[in-house]
C-alpha atoms as a PDB file:
ATOM      1  CA  LEU A   1     119.204 100.152 135.554  1.00  0.00           C
ATOM      2  CA  GLU A   2     119.094 100.292 131.812  1.00  0.00           C
ATOM      3  CA  TYR A   3     116.376  99.166 129.440  1.00  0.00           C
ATOM      4  CA  ASP A   4     117.483  96.259 127.224  1.00  0.00           C
ATOM      5  CA  PHE A   5     120.802  96.049 129.072  1.00  0.00           C
ATOM      6  CA  TYR A   6     122.005  92.925 127.234  1.00  0.00           C
ATOM      7  CA  ARG A   7     121.347  94.231 123.702  1.00  0.00           C
ATOM      8  CA  ASP A   8     125.089  94.382 122.945  1.00  0.00           C
ATOM      9  CA  THR A   9     126.366  91.440 124.991  1.00  0.00           C
ATOM     10  CA  CYS A  10     123.575  88.845 124.740  1.00  0.00           C
ATOM     11  CA  LEU A  11     121.016  89.986 122.217  1.00  0.00           C
ATOM     12  CA  ASP A  12     118.800  86.924 122.730  1.00  0.00           C
ATOM     13  CA  ALA A  13     118.776  87.041 126.552  1.00  0.00           C
ATOM     14  CA  GLN A  14     115.197  88.213 126.917  1.00  0.00           C
ATOM     15  CA  THR A  15     113.948  85.843 124.223  1.00  0.00           C
ATOM     16  CA  ILE A  16     115.735  82.909 125.853  1.00  0.00           C
ATOM     17  CA  VAL A  17     114.310  83.711 129.285  1.00  0.00           C
ATOM     18  CA  ARG A  18     110.813  84.282 127.897  1.00  0.00           C
ATOM     19  CA  SER A  19     110.716  81.086 125.830  1.00  0.00           C
ATOM     20  CA  THR A  20     112.252  78.902 128.540  1.00  0.00           C
ATOM     21  CA  THR A  21     109.888  80.318 131.161  1.00  0.00           C
ATOM     22  CA  ALA A  22     106.942  79.667 128.836  1.00  0.00           C
ATOM     23  CA  ARG A  23     108.101  76.096 128.212  1.00  0.00           C
ATOM     24  CA  ILE A  24     108.415  75.471 131.959  1.00  0.00           C
ATOM     25  CA  TYR A  25     105.042  77.130 132.575  1.00  0.00           C
ATOM     26  CA  SER A  26     103.324  74.849 130.058  1.00  0.00           C
ATOM     27  CA  ASP A  27     104.142  71.887 132.328  1.00  0.00           C
ATOM     28  CA  HIS A  28     104.047  73.620 135.718  1.00  0.00           C
ATOM     29  CA  LYS A  29     101.365  76.280 136.105  1.00  0.00           C
ATOM     30  CA  ASP A  30     102.531  77.094 139.648  1.00  0.00           C
ATOM     31  CA  VAL A  31     105.966  78.277 138.489  1.00  0.00           C
ATOM     32  CA  PRO A  32     105.158  82.015 138.241  1.00  0.00           C
ATOM     33  CA  ALA A  33     104.119  82.126 141.896  1.00  0.00           C
ATOM     34  CA  ALA A  34     107.216  80.198 142.987  1.00  0.00           C
ATOM     35  CA  ILE A  35     109.542  82.425 140.981  1.00  0.00           C
ATOM     36  CA  LEU A  36     107.839  85.592 142.242  1.00  0.00           C
ATOM     37  CA  ARG A  37     108.329  84.367 145.805  1.00  0.00           C
ATOM     38  CA  LEU A  38     112.001  83.579 145.084  1.00  0.00           C
ATOM     39  CA  PHE A  39     112.459  87.071 143.690  1.00  0.00           C
ATOM     40  CA  PHE A  40     110.793  88.645 146.732  1.00  0.00           C
ATOM     41  CA  HIS A  41     112.881  86.647 149.186  1.00  0.00           C
ATOM     42  CA  ASP A  42     116.053  87.447 147.277  1.00  0.00           C
ATOM     43  CA  CYS A  43     115.286  91.164 147.380  1.00  0.00           C
ATOM     44  CA  PHE A  44     114.167  91.641 150.969  1.00  0.00           C
ATOM     45  CA  ILE A  45     117.563  91.197 152.643  1.00  0.00           C
ATOM     46  CA  LYS A  46     120.035  93.635 151.074  1.00  0.00           C
ATOM     47  CA  GLY A  47     118.810  94.110 147.538  1.00  0.00           C
ATOM     48  CA  CYS A  48     118.172  91.892 144.553  1.00  0.00           C
ATOM     49  CA  ASP A  49     121.558  90.223 144.167  1.00  0.00           C
ATOM     50  CA  ALA A  50     120.704  86.520 143.720  1.00  0.00           C
ATOM     51  CA  SER A  51     122.299  85.727 147.091  1.00  0.00           C
ATOM     52  CA  VAL A  52     119.400  83.395 147.865  1.00  0.00           C
ATOM     53  CA  PHE A  53     120.888  81.095 145.201  1.00  0.00           C
ATOM     54  CA  LEU A  54     124.209  80.591 146.990  1.00  0.00           C
ATOM     55  CA  TYR A  55     124.717  76.967 147.952  1.00  0.00           C
ATOM     56  CA  ASP A  56     127.206  77.219 150.801  1.00  0.00           C
ATOM     57  CA  SER A  57     129.428  79.514 152.802  1.00  0.00           C
ATOM     58  CA  ASN A  58     132.681  77.670 152.005  1.00  0.00           C
ATOM     59  CA  ASP A  59     132.253  75.504 155.103  1.00  0.00           C
ATOM     60  CA  ASN A  60     132.286  78.560 157.380  1.00  0.00           C
ATOM     61  CA  LYS A  61     129.648  77.461 159.914  1.00  0.00           C
ATOM     62  CA  SER A  62     129.540  80.903 161.550  1.00  0.00           C
ATOM     63  CA  HIS A  63     128.515  82.465 158.216  1.00  0.00           C
ATOM     64  CA  ARG A  64     125.061  81.157 157.404  1.00  0.00           C
ATOM     65  CA  ILE A  65     123.816  81.434 153.876  1.00  0.00           C
ATOM     66  CA  GLU A  66     120.588  83.141 152.948  1.00  0.00           C
ATOM     67  CA  ARG A  67     119.097  79.933 151.573  1.00  0.00           C
ATOM     68  CA  ASP A  68     119.268  78.407 155.068  1.00  0.00           C
ATOM     69  CA  ALA A  69     117.342  81.234 156.733  1.00  0.00           C
ATOM     70  CA  ILE A  70     114.025  80.140 158.221  1.00  0.00           C
ATOM     71  CA  PRO A  71     111.861  82.271 155.865  1.00  0.00           C
ATOM     72  CA  ASN A  72     113.644  80.739 152.865  1.00  0.00           C
ATOM     73  CA  LYS A  73     113.436  77.069 153.822  1.00  0.00           C
ATOM     74  CA  THR A  74     110.166  76.568 151.920  1.00  0.00           C
ATOM     75  CA  LEU A  75     111.186  78.336 148.703  1.00  0.00           C
ATOM     76  CA  LYS A  76     110.587  76.444 145.475  1.00  0.00           C
ATOM     77  CA  GLY A  77     111.685  77.058 141.916  1.00  0.00           C
ATOM     78  CA  PHE A  78     115.470  77.004 142.276  1.00  0.00           C
ATOM     79  CA  ASP A  79     115.582  74.204 139.719  1.00  0.00           C
ATOM     80  CA  LYS A  80     113.494  76.241 137.275  1.00  0.00           C
ATOM     81  CA  ILE A  81     115.820  79.240 137.500  1.00  0.00           C
ATOM     82  CA  ASP A  82     118.739  76.834 137.032  1.00  0.00           C
ATOM     83  CA  MET A  83     117.099  75.562 133.820  1.00  0.00           C
ATOM     84  CA  ILE A  84     116.671  79.111 132.501  1.00  0.00           C
ATOM     85  CA  LYS A  85     120.231  80.043 133.462  1.00  0.00           C
ATOM     86  CA  GLU A  86     121.535  76.906 131.740  1.00  0.00           C
ATOM     87  CA  GLU A  87     119.843  77.955 128.481  1.00  0.00           C
ATOM     88  CA  LEU A  88     121.361  81.420 128.773  1.00  0.00           C
ATOM     89  CA  GLU A  89     124.816  79.984 129.415  1.00  0.00           C
ATOM     90  CA  LYS A  90     124.642  77.914 126.212  1.00  0.00           C
ATOM     91  CA  VAL A  91     124.282  81.079 124.131  1.00  0.00           C
ATOM     92  CA  CYS A  92     126.003  83.738 126.249  1.00  0.00           C
ATOM     93  CA  PRO A  93     128.340  82.092 128.758  1.00  0.00           C
ATOM     94  CA  GLY A  94     129.167  84.231 131.762  1.00  0.00           C
ATOM     95  CA  VAL A  95     127.184  87.246 130.568  1.00  0.00           C
ATOM     96  CA  VAL A  96     123.715  87.334 132.133  1.00  0.00           C
ATOM     97  CA  SER A  97     123.772  87.571 135.926  1.00  0.00           C
ATOM     98  CA  CYS A  98     121.707  85.314 138.164  1.00  0.00           C
ATOM     99  CA  ALA A  99     120.004  88.399 139.596  1.00  0.00           C
ATOM    100  CA  ASP A 100     118.931  89.502 136.126  1.00  0.00           C
ATOM    101  CA  THR A 101     117.865  85.980 135.213  1.00  0.00           C
ATOM    102  CA  ILE A 102     115.438  85.784 138.111  1.00  0.00           C
ATOM    103  CA  ALA A 103     114.181  89.336 137.489  1.00  0.00           C
ATOM    104  CA  LEU A 104     113.450  88.579 133.831  1.00  0.00           C
ATOM    105  CA  ALA A 105     111.923  85.190 134.625  1.00  0.00           C
ATOM    106  CA  THR A 106     109.704  86.758 137.279  1.00  0.00           C
ATOM    107  CA  ARG A 107     108.489  89.368 134.835  1.00  0.00           C
ATOM    108  CA  ASP A 108     107.778  86.765 132.170  1.00  0.00           C
ATOM    109  CA  GLY A 109     106.155  84.369 134.623  1.00  0.00           C
ATOM    110  CA  ILE A 110     103.757  87.051 135.824  1.00  0.00           C
ATOM    111  CA  VAL A 111     102.843  87.907 132.224  1.00  0.00           C
ATOM    112  CA  LEU A 112     102.071  84.227 131.607  1.00  0.00           C
END
């Protein structure tokens, strides 16, 4: 872990996440709780790696994805993280990880 990790590769990463989270929050006051729950569920399996965001297992039915697990079936906020990630990708394509995006958005959501 390193403070301000993206300072050389995506200087505006934290600002983008903060402003997008705030914009989403202005319309959806329940977003911080949903994002915090997403973050928790992502982290309780084998670390905070954004694996809860995976959509499929390449049609391998014997390899279930984390999103399909019973405790994760009621998670909300995937679309909000997608919105934040989309804003990041416009400015810094392929730089900020999904795991970092949800961590930053969770932090900012809780502050809000």
